[in-house]
């Protein structure tokens, strides 16, 4: 059976799960609103880089390198642009991903 653990950061609570204990991760409560994914990543691991997508319910999975390339192509049009895809896969350690439930996990591999 996997267990859930409450943690506190600057007076705000978030959950972790023993199933994912090999990776820094967190399931954040509403008290963390409206912090950005980049700020939430800092709670879990200050040296990690955060990545985020616009979910499109398709079958596209990208790496952080591919996100950077696509962002450079669309940044001229929109400062707050997000790359459209449905999944992220890390290429190296300390790459954190944001999910709809305000969760972030940093890859340790």
PDB file of N, CA and C in Angstrom:
ATOM      1  N   UNK A   1       0.841  -1.187   0.000  1.00  0.00           N
ATOM      2  CA  UNK A   1       0.000   0.000   0.000  1.00  0.00           C
ATOM      3  C   UNK A   1       0.886   1.250   0.000  1.00  0.00           C
ATOM      4  N   UNK A   2       0.563   2.193  -0.817  1.00  0.00           N
ATOM      5  CA  UNK A   2       1.317   3.438  -0.893  1.00  0.00           C
ATOM      6  C   UNK A   2       0.715   4.452   0.069  1.00  0.00           C
ATOM      7  N   UNK A   3       1.565   5.260   0.643  1.00  0.00           N
ATOM      8  CA  UNK A   3       1.094   6.239   1.621  1.00  0.00           C
ATOM      9  C   UNK A   3       1.297   7.657   1.110  1.00  0.00           C
ATOM     10  N   UNK A   4       0.462   8.541   1.616  1.00  0.00           N
ATOM     11  CA  UNK A   4       0.523   9.961   1.294  1.00  0.00           C
ATOM     12  C   UNK A   4       1.087  10.704   2.492  1.00  0.00           C
ATOM     13  N   UNK A   5       1.886  11.745   2.221  1.00  0.00           N
ATOM     14  CA  UNK A   5       2.522  12.506   3.289  1.00  0.00           C
ATOM     15  C   UNK A   5       2.311  13.999   3.054  1.00  0.00           C
ATOM     16  N   UNK A   6       1.908  14.695   4.095  1.00  0.00           N
ATOM     17  CA  UNK A   6       1.780  16.147   4.033  1.00  0.00           C
ATOM     18  C   UNK A   6       3.128  16.787   4.322  1.00  0.00           C
ATOM     19  N   UNK A   7       3.454  17.830   3.570  1.00  0.00           N
ATOM     20  CA  UNK A   7       4.667  18.624   3.782  1.00  0.00           C
ATOM     21  C   UNK A   7       4.246  20.088   3.846  1.00  0.00           C
ATOM     22  N   UNK A   8       5.074  20.900   4.461  1.00  0.00           N
ATOM     23  CA  UNK A   8       4.781  22.328   4.570  1.00  0.00           C
ATOM     24  C   UNK A   8       5.960  23.123   4.021  1.00  0.00           C
ATOM     25  N   UNK A   9       5.641  24.144   3.238  1.00  0.00           N
ATOM     26  CA  UNK A   9       6.632  25.070   2.697  1.00  0.00           C
ATOM     27  C   UNK A   9       6.095  26.473   2.905  1.00  0.00           C
ATOM     28  N   UNK A  10       6.809  27.287   3.627  1.00  0.00           N
ATOM     29  CA  UNK A  10       6.402  28.667   3.927  1.00  0.00           C
ATOM     30  C   UNK A  10       4.960  28.735   4.400  1.00  0.00           C
ATOM     31  N   UNK A  11       4.575  27.793   5.272  1.00  0.00           N
ATOM     32  CA  UNK A  11       3.247  27.784   5.870  1.00  0.00           C
ATOM     33  C   UNK A  11       2.150  27.217   4.993  1.00  0.00           C
ATOM     34  N   UNK A  12       2.492  26.689   3.809  1.00  0.00           N
ATOM     35  CA  UNK A  12       1.498  26.112   2.896  1.00  0.00           C
ATOM     36  C   UNK A  12       1.750  24.615   2.756  1.00  0.00           C
ATOM     37  N   UNK A  13       0.666  23.841   2.661  1.00  0.00           N
ATOM     38  CA  UNK A  13       0.776  22.383   2.619  1.00  0.00           C
ATOM     39  C   UNK A  13       0.684  21.824   1.210  1.00  0.00           C
ATOM     40  N   UNK A  14       1.420  20.712   0.991  1.00  0.00           N
ATOM     41  CA  UNK A  14       1.308  19.940  -0.246  1.00  0.00           C
ATOM     42  C   UNK A  14       1.538  18.470   0.083  1.00  0.00           C
ATOM     43  N   UNK A  15       1.081  17.606  -0.810  1.00  0.00           N
ATOM     44  CA  UNK A  15       1.178  16.167  -0.604  1.00  0.00           C
ATOM     45  C   UNK A  15       2.269  15.531  -1.451  1.00  0.00           C
ATOM     46  N   UNK A  16       2.855  14.454  -0.931  1.00  0.00           N
ATOM     47  CA  UNK A  16       3.708  13.582  -1.724  1.00  0.00           C
ATOM     48  C   UNK A  16       3.211  12.153  -1.520  1.00  0.00           C
ATOM     49  N   UNK A  17       3.589  11.270  -2.424  1.00  0.00           N
ATOM     50  CA  UNK A  17       3.158   9.878  -2.368  1.00  0.00           C
ATOM     51  C   UNK A  17       4.376   8.964  -2.332  1.00  0.00           C
ATOM     52  N   UNK A  18       4.324   7.924  -1.497  1.00  0.00           N
ATOM     53  CA  UNK A  18       5.456   7.005  -1.388  1.00  0.00           C
ATOM     54  C   UNK A  18       5.753   6.283  -2.704  1.00  0.00           C
ATOM     55  N   UNK A  19       4.753   6.108  -3.539  1.00  0.00           N
ATOM     56  CA  UNK A  19       4.960   5.469  -4.845  1.00  0.00           C
ATOM     57  C   UNK A  19       5.973   6.241  -5.695  1.00  0.00           C
ATOM     58  N   UNK A  20       6.025   7.559  -5.531  1.00  0.00           N
ATOM     59  CA  UNK A  20       6.900   8.431  -6.326  1.00  0.00           C
ATOM     60  C   UNK A  20       8.105   8.937  -5.540  1.00  0.00           C
ATOM     61  N   UNK A  21       8.411   8.315  -4.405  1.00  0.00           N
ATOM     62  CA  UNK A  21       9.440   8.858  -3.525  1.00  0.00           C
ATOM     63  C   UNK A  21      10.829   8.964  -4.162  1.00  0.00           C
ATOM     64  N   UNK A  22      11.090   8.245  -5.234  1.00  0.00           N
ATOM     65  CA  UNK A  22      12.391   8.337  -5.908  1.00  0.00           C
ATOM     66  C   UNK A  22      12.574   9.668  -6.643  1.00  0.00           C
ATOM     67  N   UNK A  23      11.492  10.406  -6.853  1.00  0.00           N
ATOM     68  CA  UNK A  23      11.527  11.680  -7.579  1.00  0.00           C
ATOM     69  C   UNK A  23      10.959  12.785  -6.715  1.00  0.00           C
ATOM     70  N   UNK A  24      11.598  13.954  -6.727  1.00  0.00           N
ATOM     71  CA  UNK A  24      10.966  15.095  -6.063  1.00  0.00           C
ATOM     72  C   UNK A  24       9.628  15.377  -6.753  1.00  0.00           C
ATOM     73  N   UNK A  25       8.549  15.430  -5.995  1.00  0.00           N
ATOM     74  CA  UNK A  25       7.231  15.661  -6.580  1.00  0.00           C
ATOM     75  C   UNK A  25       6.328  16.292  -5.529  1.00  0.00           C
ATOM     76  N   UNK A  26       5.252  16.869  -5.973  1.00  0.00           N
ATOM     77  CA  UNK A  26       4.292  17.446  -5.048  1.00  0.00           C
ATOM     78  C   UNK A  26       2.940  17.611  -5.702  1.00  0.00           C
ATOM     79  N   UNK A  27       1.897  17.441  -4.894  1.00  0.00           N
ATOM     80  CA  UNK A  27       0.526  17.710  -5.309  1.00  0.00           C
ATOM     81  C   UNK A  27       0.089  18.891  -4.448  1.00  0.00           C
ATOM     82  N   UNK A  28       0.007  20.045  -5.080  1.00  0.00           N
ATOM     83  CA  UNK A  28      -0.149  21.295  -4.349  1.00  0.00           C
ATOM     84  C   UNK A  28      -1.610  21.628  -4.072  1.00  0.00           C
ATOM     85  N   UNK A  29      -1.839  22.248  -2.919  1.00  0.00           N
ATOM     86  CA  UNK A  29      -3.182  22.661  -2.517  1.00  0.00           C
ATOM     87  C   UNK A  29      -3.487  24.050  -3.071  1.00  0.00           C
ATOM     88  N   UNK A  30      -4.736  24.464  -2.892  1.00  0.00           N
ATOM     89  CA  UNK A  30      -5.168  25.768  -3.405  1.00  0.00           C
ATOM     90  C   UNK A  30      -4.399  26.926  -2.781  1.00  0.00           C
ATOM     91  N   UNK A  31      -3.758  26.709  -1.638  1.00  0.00           N
ATOM     92  CA  UNK A  31      -3.001  27.781  -1.001  1.00  0.00           C
ATOM     93  C   UNK A  31      -1.799  28.231  -1.831  1.00  0.00           C
ATOM     94  N   UNK A  32      -1.382  27.405  -2.757  1.00  0.00           N
ATOM     95  CA  UNK A  32      -0.253  27.769  -3.624  1.00  0.00           C
ATOM     96  C   UNK A  32      -0.696  28.630  -4.812  1.00  0.00           C
ATOM     97  N   UNK A  33      -1.973  28.758  -5.025  1.00  0.00           N
ATOM     98  CA  UNK A  33      -2.504  29.586  -6.097  1.00  0.00           C
ATOM     99  C   UNK A  33      -2.157  31.026  -5.833  1.00  0.00           C
ATOM    100  N   UNK A  34      -1.738  31.855  -6.740  1.00  0.00           N
ATOM    101  CA  UNK A  34      -1.610  31.658  -8.176  1.00  0.00           C
ATOM    102  C   UNK A  34      -0.157  31.468  -8.610  1.00  0.00           C
ATOM    103  N   UNK A  35       0.639  30.793  -7.831  1.00  0.00           N
ATOM    104  CA  UNK A  35       2.049  30.592  -8.199  1.00  0.00           C
ATOM    105  C   UNK A  35       2.181  29.845  -9.523  1.00  0.00           C
ATOM    106  N   UNK A  36       3.182  30.231 -10.277  1.00  0.00           N
ATOM    107  CA  UNK A  36       3.436  29.617 -11.588  1.00  0.00           C
ATOM    108  C   UNK A  36       4.111  28.255 -11.407  1.00  0.00           C
ATOM    109  N   UNK A  37       4.096  27.426 -12.449  1.00  0.00           N
ATOM    110  CA  UNK A  37       4.809  26.145 -12.383  1.00  0.00           C
ATOM    111  C   UNK A  37       6.297  26.325 -12.054  1.00  0.00           C
ATOM    112  N   UNK A  38       6.891  27.389 -12.541  1.00  0.00           N
ATOM    113  CA  UNK A  38       8.302  27.648 -12.241  1.00  0.00           C
ATOM    114  C   UNK A  38       8.506  27.875 -10.745  1.00  0.00           C
ATOM    115  N   UNK A  39       7.592  28.609 -10.123  1.00  0.00           N
ATOM    116  CA  UNK A  39       7.681  28.838  -8.679  1.00  0.00           C
ATOM    117  C   UNK A  39       7.451  27.546  -7.896  1.00  0.00           C
ATOM    118  N   UNK A  40       6.504  26.725  -8.346  1.00  0.00           N
ATOM    119  CA  UNK A  40       6.223  25.459  -7.667  1.00  0.00           C
ATOM    120  C   UNK A  40       7.419  24.513  -7.772  1.00  0.00           C
ATOM    121  N   UNK A  41       8.088  24.536  -8.894  1.00  0.00           N
ATOM    122  CA  UNK A  41       9.276  23.700  -9.076  1.00  0.00           C
ATOM    123  C   UNK A  41      10.330  24.061  -8.043  1.00  0.00           C
ATOM    124  N   UNK A  42      10.464  25.337  -7.747  1.00  0.00           N
ATOM    125  CA  UNK A  42      11.453  25.792  -6.763  1.00  0.00           C
ATOM    126  C   UNK A  42      11.175  25.213  -5.373  1.00  0.00           C
ATOM    127  N   UNK A  43       9.919  24.945  -5.056  1.00  0.00           N
ATOM    128  CA  UNK A  43       9.557  24.340  -3.771  1.00  0.00           C
ATOM    129  C   UNK A  43      10.173  22.948  -3.670  1.00  0.00           C
ATOM    130  N   UNK A  44      10.147  22.212  -4.767  1.00  0.00           N
ATOM    131  CA  UNK A  44      10.594  20.821  -4.778  1.00  0.00           C
ATOM    132  C   UNK A  44      12.094  20.672  -4.983  1.00  0.00           C
ATOM    133  N   UNK A  45      12.645  21.492  -5.869  1.00  0.00           N
ATOM    134  CA  UNK A  45      14.084  21.407  -6.148  1.00  0.00           C
ATOM    135  C   UNK A  45      14.531  22.719  -6.794  1.00  0.00           C
ATOM    136  N   UNK A  46      15.224  23.567  -6.053  1.00  0.00           N
ATOM    137  CA  UNK A  46      15.606  24.890  -6.558  1.00  0.00           C
ATOM    138  C   UNK A  46      16.446  24.899  -7.834  1.00  0.00           C
ATOM    139  N   UNK A  47      17.124  23.800  -8.152  1.00  0.00           N
ATOM    140  CA  UNK A  47      17.984  23.772  -9.333  1.00  0.00           C
ATOM    141  C   UNK A  47      17.291  23.224 -10.583  1.00  0.00           C
ATOM    142  N   UNK A  48      16.039  22.808 -10.453  1.00  0.00           N
ATOM    143  CA  UNK A  48      15.331  22.217 -11.590  1.00  0.00           C
ATOM    144  C   UNK A  48      14.786  23.296 -12.529  1.00  0.00           C
ATOM    145  N   UNK A  49      14.636  22.934 -13.802  1.00  0.00           N
ATOM    146  CA  UNK A  49      14.026  23.816 -14.806  1.00  0.00           C
ATOM    147  C   UNK A  49      12.600  23.339 -15.054  1.00  0.00           C
ATOM    148  N   UNK A  50      11.671  24.280 -15.156  1.00  0.00           N
ATOM    149  CA  UNK A  50      10.264  23.925 -15.351  1.00  0.00           C
ATOM    150  C   UNK A  50       9.826  24.018 -16.805  1.00  0.00           C
ATOM    151  N   UNK A  51       8.926  23.120 -17.196  1.00  0.00           N
ATOM    152  CA  UNK A  51       8.390  23.090 -18.556  1.00  0.00           C
ATOM    153  C   UNK A  51       6.885  22.923 -18.487  1.00  0.00           C
ATOM    154  N   UNK A  52       6.191  23.512 -19.473  1.00  0.00           N
ATOM    155  CA  UNK A  52       4.737  23.527 -19.471  1.00  0.00           C
ATOM    156  C   UNK A  52       4.215  23.481 -20.899  1.00  0.00           C
ATOM    157  N   UNK A  53       3.038  22.865 -21.085  1.00  0.00           N
ATOM    158  CA  UNK A  53       2.415  22.742 -22.403  1.00  0.00           C
ATOM    159  C   UNK A  53       0.978  23.231 -22.394  1.00  0.00           C
ATOM    160  N   UNK A  54       0.457  23.455 -23.578  1.00  0.00           N
ATOM    161  CA  UNK A  54      -0.973  23.658 -23.759  1.00  0.00           C
ATOM    162  C   UNK A  54      -1.521  22.303 -24.203  1.00  0.00           C
ATOM    163  N   UNK A  55      -2.349  21.677 -23.365  1.00  0.00           N
ATOM    164  CA  UNK A  55      -2.874  20.349 -23.672  1.00  0.00           C
ATOM    165  C   UNK A  55      -3.885  20.423 -24.802  1.00  0.00           C
ATOM    166  N   UNK A  56      -3.726  19.531 -25.787  1.00  0.00           N
ATOM    167  CA  UNK A  56      -4.598  19.550 -26.964  1.00  0.00           C
ATOM    168  C   UNK A  56      -5.339  18.235 -27.193  1.00  0.00           C
ATOM    169  N   UNK A  57      -5.196  17.266 -26.287  1.00  0.00           N
ATOM    170  CA  UNK A  57      -5.873  15.963 -26.387  1.00  0.00           C
ATOM    171  C   UNK A  57      -5.543  15.262 -27.693  1.00  0.00           C
ATOM    172  N   UNK A  58      -4.254  15.167 -27.971  1.00  0.00           N
ATOM    173  CA  UNK A  58      -3.773  14.479 -29.161  1.00  0.00           C
ATOM    174  C   UNK A  58      -2.789  13.396 -28.759  1.00  0.00           C
ATOM    175  N   UNK A  59      -1.783  13.181 -29.585  1.00  0.00           N
ATOM    176  CA  UNK A  59      -0.806  12.143 -29.280  1.00  0.00           C
ATOM    177  C   UNK A  59       0.634  12.644 -29.368  1.00  0.00           C
ATOM    178  N   UNK A  60       0.839  13.952 -29.225  1.00  0.00           N
ATOM    179  CA  UNK A  60       2.174  14.531 -29.343  1.00  0.00           C
ATOM    180  C   UNK A  60       2.876  14.561 -27.983  1.00  0.00           C
ATOM    181  N   UNK A  61       4.079  14.007 -27.938  1.00  0.00           N
ATOM    182  CA  UNK A  61       4.920  14.022 -26.746  1.00  0.00           C
ATOM    183  C   UNK A  61       6.226  14.712 -27.130  1.00  0.00           C
ATOM    184  N   UNK A  62       6.645  15.689 -26.318  1.00  0.00           N
ATOM    185  CA  UNK A  62       7.837  16.480 -26.640  1.00  0.00           C
ATOM    186  C   UNK A  62       8.895  16.387 -25.546  1.00  0.00           C
ATOM    187  N   UNK A  63      10.118  16.698 -25.916  1.00  0.00           N
ATOM    188  CA  UNK A  63      11.222  16.838 -24.969  1.00  0.00           C
ATOM    189  C   UNK A  63      11.427  18.329 -24.691  1.00  0.00           C
ATOM    190  N   UNK A  64      12.129  18.675 -23.624  1.00  0.00           N
ATOM    191  CA  UNK A  64      12.428  20.088 -23.382  1.00  0.00           C
ATOM    192  C   UNK A  64      13.156  20.764 -24.554  1.00  0.00           C
ATOM    193  N   UNK A  65      14.030  20.047 -25.242  1.00  0.00           N
ATOM    194  CA  UNK A  65      14.722  20.629 -26.406  1.00  0.00           C
ATOM    195  C   UNK A  65      13.732  20.983 -27.510  1.00  0.00           C
ATOM    196  N   UNK A  66      12.774  20.102 -27.744  1.00  0.00           N
ATOM    197  CA  UNK A  66      11.761  20.366 -28.775  1.00  0.00           C
ATOM    198  C   UNK A  66      10.862  21.529 -28.370  1.00  0.00           C
ATOM    199  N   UNK A  67      10.571  21.645 -27.083  1.00  0.00           N
ATOM    200  CA  UNK A  67       9.777  22.778 -26.601  1.00  0.00           C
ATOM    201  C   UNK A  67      10.521  24.082 -26.866  1.00  0.00           C
ATOM    202  N   UNK A  68      11.814  24.107 -26.563  1.00  0.00           N
ATOM    203  CA  UNK A  68      12.617  25.317 -26.779  1.00  0.00           C
ATOM    204  C   UNK A  68      12.612  25.741 -28.243  1.00  0.00           C
ATOM    205  N   UNK A  69      12.741  24.772 -29.143  1.00  0.00           N
ATOM    206  CA  UNK A  69      12.733  25.078 -30.581  1.00  0.00           C
ATOM    207  C   UNK A  69      11.387  25.664 -30.987  1.00  0.00           C
ATOM    208  N   UNK A  70      10.313  25.020 -30.563  1.00  0.00           N
ATOM    209  CA  UNK A  70       8.971  25.495 -30.943  1.00  0.00           C
ATOM    210  C   UNK A  70       8.657  26.851 -30.316  1.00  0.00           C
ATOM    211  N   UNK A  71       9.104  27.071 -29.091  1.00  0.00           N
ATOM    212  CA  UNK A  71       8.880  28.371 -28.457  1.00  0.00           C
ATOM    213  C   UNK A  71       9.611  29.482 -29.193  1.00  0.00           C
ATOM    214  N   UNK A  72      10.814  29.204 -29.657  1.00  0.00           N
ATOM    215  CA  UNK A  72      11.568  30.236 -30.381  1.00  0.00           C
ATOM    216  C   UNK A  72      10.856  30.619 -31.677  1.00  0.00           C
ATOM    217  N   UNK A  73      10.099  29.698 -32.229  1.00  0.00           N
ATOM    218  CA  UNK A  73       9.361  29.979 -33.465  1.00  0.00           C
ATOM    219  C   UNK A  73       8.104  30.807 -33.218  1.00  0.00           C
ATOM    220  N   UNK A  74       7.496  30.670 -32.026  1.00  0.00           N
ATOM    221  CA  UNK A  74       6.236  31.377 -31.775  1.00  0.00           C
ATOM    222  C   UNK A  74       6.366  32.548 -30.821  1.00  0.00           C
ATOM    223  N   UNK A  75       7.515  32.719 -30.156  1.00  0.00           N
ATOM    224  CA  UNK A  75       7.677  33.788 -29.185  1.00  0.00           C
ATOM    225  C   UNK A  75       7.497  35.167 -29.774  1.00  0.00           C
ATOM    226  N   UNK A  76       7.840  35.337 -31.033  1.00  0.00           N
ATOM    227  CA  UNK A  76       7.692  36.650 -31.663  1.00  0.00           C
ATOM    228  C   UNK A  76       6.230  37.073 -31.695  1.00  0.00           C
ATOM    229  N   UNK A  77       5.324  36.108 -31.782  1.00  0.00           N
ATOM    230  CA  UNK A  77       3.903  36.406 -31.881  1.00  0.00           C
ATOM    231  C   UNK A  77       3.256  36.623 -30.521  1.00  0.00           C
ATOM    232  N   UNK A  78       3.709  35.895 -29.493  1.00  0.00           N
ATOM    233  CA  UNK A  78       3.019  35.911 -28.219  1.00  0.00           C
ATOM    234  C   UNK A  78       3.999  35.635 -27.089  1.00  0.00           C
ATOM    235  N   UNK A  79       4.156  36.592 -26.174  1.00  0.00           N
ATOM    236  CA  UNK A  79       5.083  36.447 -25.054  1.00  0.00           C
ATOM    237  C   UNK A  79       4.732  35.310 -24.109  1.00  0.00           C
ATOM    238  N   UNK A  80       3.447  35.045 -23.898  1.00  0.00           N
ATOM    239  CA  UNK A  80       3.028  34.021 -22.951  1.00  0.00           C
ATOM    240  C   UNK A  80       2.610  32.735 -23.661  1.00  0.00           C
ATOM    241  N   UNK A  81       3.150  32.495 -24.816  1.00  0.00           N
ATOM    242  CA  UNK A  81       2.773  31.337 -25.624  1.00  0.00           C
ATOM    243  C   UNK A  81       3.194  30.036 -24.963  1.00  0.00           C
ATOM    244  N   UNK A  82       2.361  29.031 -25.155  1.00  0.00           N
ATOM    245  CA  UNK A  82       2.671  27.667 -24.732  1.00  0.00           C
ATOM    246  C   UNK A  82       2.689  26.787 -25.966  1.00  0.00           C
ATOM    247  N   UNK A  83       3.573  25.826 -25.979  1.00  0.00           N
ATOM    248  CA  UNK A  83       3.632  24.863 -27.072  1.00  0.00           C
ATOM    249  C   UNK A  83       2.491  23.871 -26.890  1.00  0.00           C
ATOM    250  N   UNK A  84       1.829  23.509 -27.979  1.00  0.00           N
ATOM    251  CA  UNK A  84       0.720  22.555 -27.926  1.00  0.00           C
ATOM    252  C   UNK A  84       1.234  21.125 -28.033  1.00  0.00           C
ATOM    253  N   UNK A  85       0.858  20.298 -27.057  1.00  0.00           N
ATOM    254  CA  UNK A  85       1.203  18.870 -27.033  1.00  0.00           C
ATOM    255  C   UNK A  85       0.465  18.250 -25.851  1.00  0.00           C
ATOM    256  N   UNK A  86       0.650  16.963 -25.654  1.00  0.00           N
ATOM    257  CA  UNK A  86      -0.032  16.281 -24.559  1.00  0.00           C
ATOM    258  C   UNK A  86       0.881  15.623 -23.549  1.00  0.00           C
ATOM    259  N   UNK A  87       2.155  15.536 -23.858  1.00  0.00           N
ATOM    260  CA  UNK A  87       3.057  14.890 -22.918  1.00  0.00           C
ATOM    261  C   UNK A  87       4.462  15.423 -23.033  1.00  0.00           C
ATOM    262  N   UNK A  88       5.206  15.238 -21.948  1.00  0.00           N
ATOM    263  CA  UNK A  88       6.603  15.646 -21.879  1.00  0.00           C
ATOM    264  C   UNK A  88       7.431  14.466 -21.420  1.00  0.00           C
ATOM    265  N   UNK A  89       8.632  14.356 -21.962  1.00  0.00           N
ATOM    266  CA  UNK A  89       9.568  13.338 -21.505  1.00  0.00           C
ATOM    267  C   UNK A  89      10.909  14.033 -21.263  1.00  0.00           C
ATOM    268  N   UNK A  90      11.512  13.742 -20.123  1.00  0.00           N
ATOM    269  CA  UNK A  90      12.772  14.419 -19.792  1.00  0.00           C
ATOM    270  C   UNK A  90      13.935  13.856 -20.596  1.00  0.00           C
ATOM    271  N   UNK A  91      14.950  14.699 -20.772  1.00  0.00           N
ATOM    272  CA  UNK A  91      16.176  14.310 -21.464  1.00  0.00           C
ATOM    273  C   UNK A  91      17.353  14.203 -20.507  1.00  0.00           C
ATOM    274  N   UNK A  92      17.202  14.834 -19.353  1.00  0.00           N
ATOM    275  CA  UNK A  92      18.280  14.851 -18.374  1.00  0.00           C
ATOM    276  C   UNK A  92      17.697  15.133 -16.997  1.00  0.00           C
ATOM    277  N   UNK A  93      18.536  15.071 -15.999  1.00  0.00           N
ATOM    278  CA  UNK A  93      18.101  15.324 -14.625  1.00  0.00           C
ATOM    279  C   UNK A  93      17.607  16.759 -14.460  1.00  0.00           C
ATOM    280  N   UNK A  94      16.749  16.945 -13.468  1.00  0.00           N
ATOM    281  CA  UNK A  94      16.263  18.255 -13.032  1.00  0.00           C
ATOM    282  C   UNK A  94      15.424  18.977 -14.083  1.00  0.00           C
ATOM    283  N   UNK A  95      14.603  18.245 -14.801  1.00  0.00           N
ATOM    284  CA  UNK A  95      13.635  18.837 -15.714  1.00  0.00           C
ATOM    285  C   UNK A  95      12.252  18.565 -15.119  1.00  0.00           C
ATOM    286  N   UNK A  96      11.552  19.618 -14.755  1.00  0.00           N
ATOM    287  CA  UNK A  96      10.274  19.499 -14.065  1.00  0.00           C
ATOM    288  C   UNK A  96       9.128  19.807 -15.007  1.00  0.00           C
ATOM    289  N   UNK A  97       8.018  19.093 -14.825  1.00  0.00           N
ATOM    290  CA  UNK A  97       6.856  19.238 -15.696  1.00  0.00           C
ATOM    291  C   UNK A  97       5.626  19.588 -14.895  1.00  0.00           C
ATOM    292  N   UNK A  98       4.822  20.480 -15.426  1.00  0.00           N
ATOM    293  CA  UNK A  98       3.597  20.905 -14.784  1.00  0.00           C
ATOM    294  C   UNK A  98       2.420  20.123 -15.339  1.00  0.00           C
ATOM    295  N   UNK A  99       1.508  19.731 -14.473  1.00  0.00           N
ATOM    296  CA  UNK A  99       0.283  19.062 -14.888  1.00  0.00           C
ATOM    297  C   UNK A  99      -0.935  19.877 -14.513  1.00  0.00           C
ATOM    298  N   UNK A 100      -2.101  19.470 -14.973  1.00  0.00           N
ATOM    299  CA  UNK A 100      -3.324  20.215 -14.726  1.00  0.00           C
ATOM    300  C   UNK A 100      -3.639  20.356 -13.245  1.00  0.00           C
ATOM    301  N   UNK A 101      -3.238  19.394 -12.422  1.00  0.00           N
ATOM    302  CA  UNK A 101      -3.519  19.450 -10.988  1.00  0.00           C
ATOM    303  C   UNK A 101      -2.436  20.171 -10.216  1.00  0.00           C
ATOM    304  N   UNK A 102      -1.678  21.011 -10.892  1.00  0.00           N
ATOM    305  CA  UNK A 102      -0.609  21.767 -10.256  1.00  0.00           C
ATOM    306  C   UNK A 102       0.406  20.856  -9.584  1.00  0.00           C
ATOM    307  N   UNK A 103       0.821  19.847 -10.303  1.00  0.00           N
ATOM    308  CA  UNK A 103       1.850  18.954  -9.798  1.00  0.00           C
ATOM    309  C   UNK A 103       3.119  19.162 -10.610  1.00  0.00           C
ATOM    310  N   UNK A 104       4.217  18.895  -9.989  1.00  0.00           N
ATOM    311  CA  UNK A 104       5.486  18.991 -10.698  1.00  0.00           C
ATOM    312  C   UNK A 104       6.382  17.853 -10.239  1.00  0.00           C
ATOM    313  N   UNK A 105       7.132  17.316 -11.129  1.00  0.00           N
ATOM    314  CA  UNK A 105       8.077  16.250 -10.772  1.00  0.00           C
ATOM    315  C   UNK A 105       9.376  16.494 -11.505  1.00  0.00           C
ATOM    316  N   UNK A 106      10.462  16.338 -10.822  1.00  0.00           N
ATOM    317  CA  UNK A 106      11.775  16.530 -11.432  1.00  0.00           C
ATOM    318  C   UNK A 106      12.392  15.167 -11.719  1.00  0.00           C
ATOM    319  N   UNK A 107      12.882  14.992 -12.912  1.00  0.00           N
ATOM    320  CA  UNK A 107      13.538  13.736 -13.273  1.00  0.00           C
ATOM    321  C   UNK A 107      14.902  13.655 -12.608  1.00  0.00           C
ATOM    322  N   UNK A 108      15.224  12.505 -12.059  1.00  0.00           N
ATOM    323  CA  UNK A 108      16.514  12.313 -11.427  1.00  0.00           C
ATOM    324  C   UNK A 108      17.450  11.472 -12.277  1.00  0.00           C
ATOM    325  N   UNK A 109      16.956  10.895 -13.380  1.00  0.00           N
ATOM    326  CA  UNK A 109      17.791  10.034 -14.217  1.00  0.00           C
ATOM    327  C   UNK A 109      18.759  10.841 -15.040  1.00  0.00           C
TER     328      UNK A 109
END
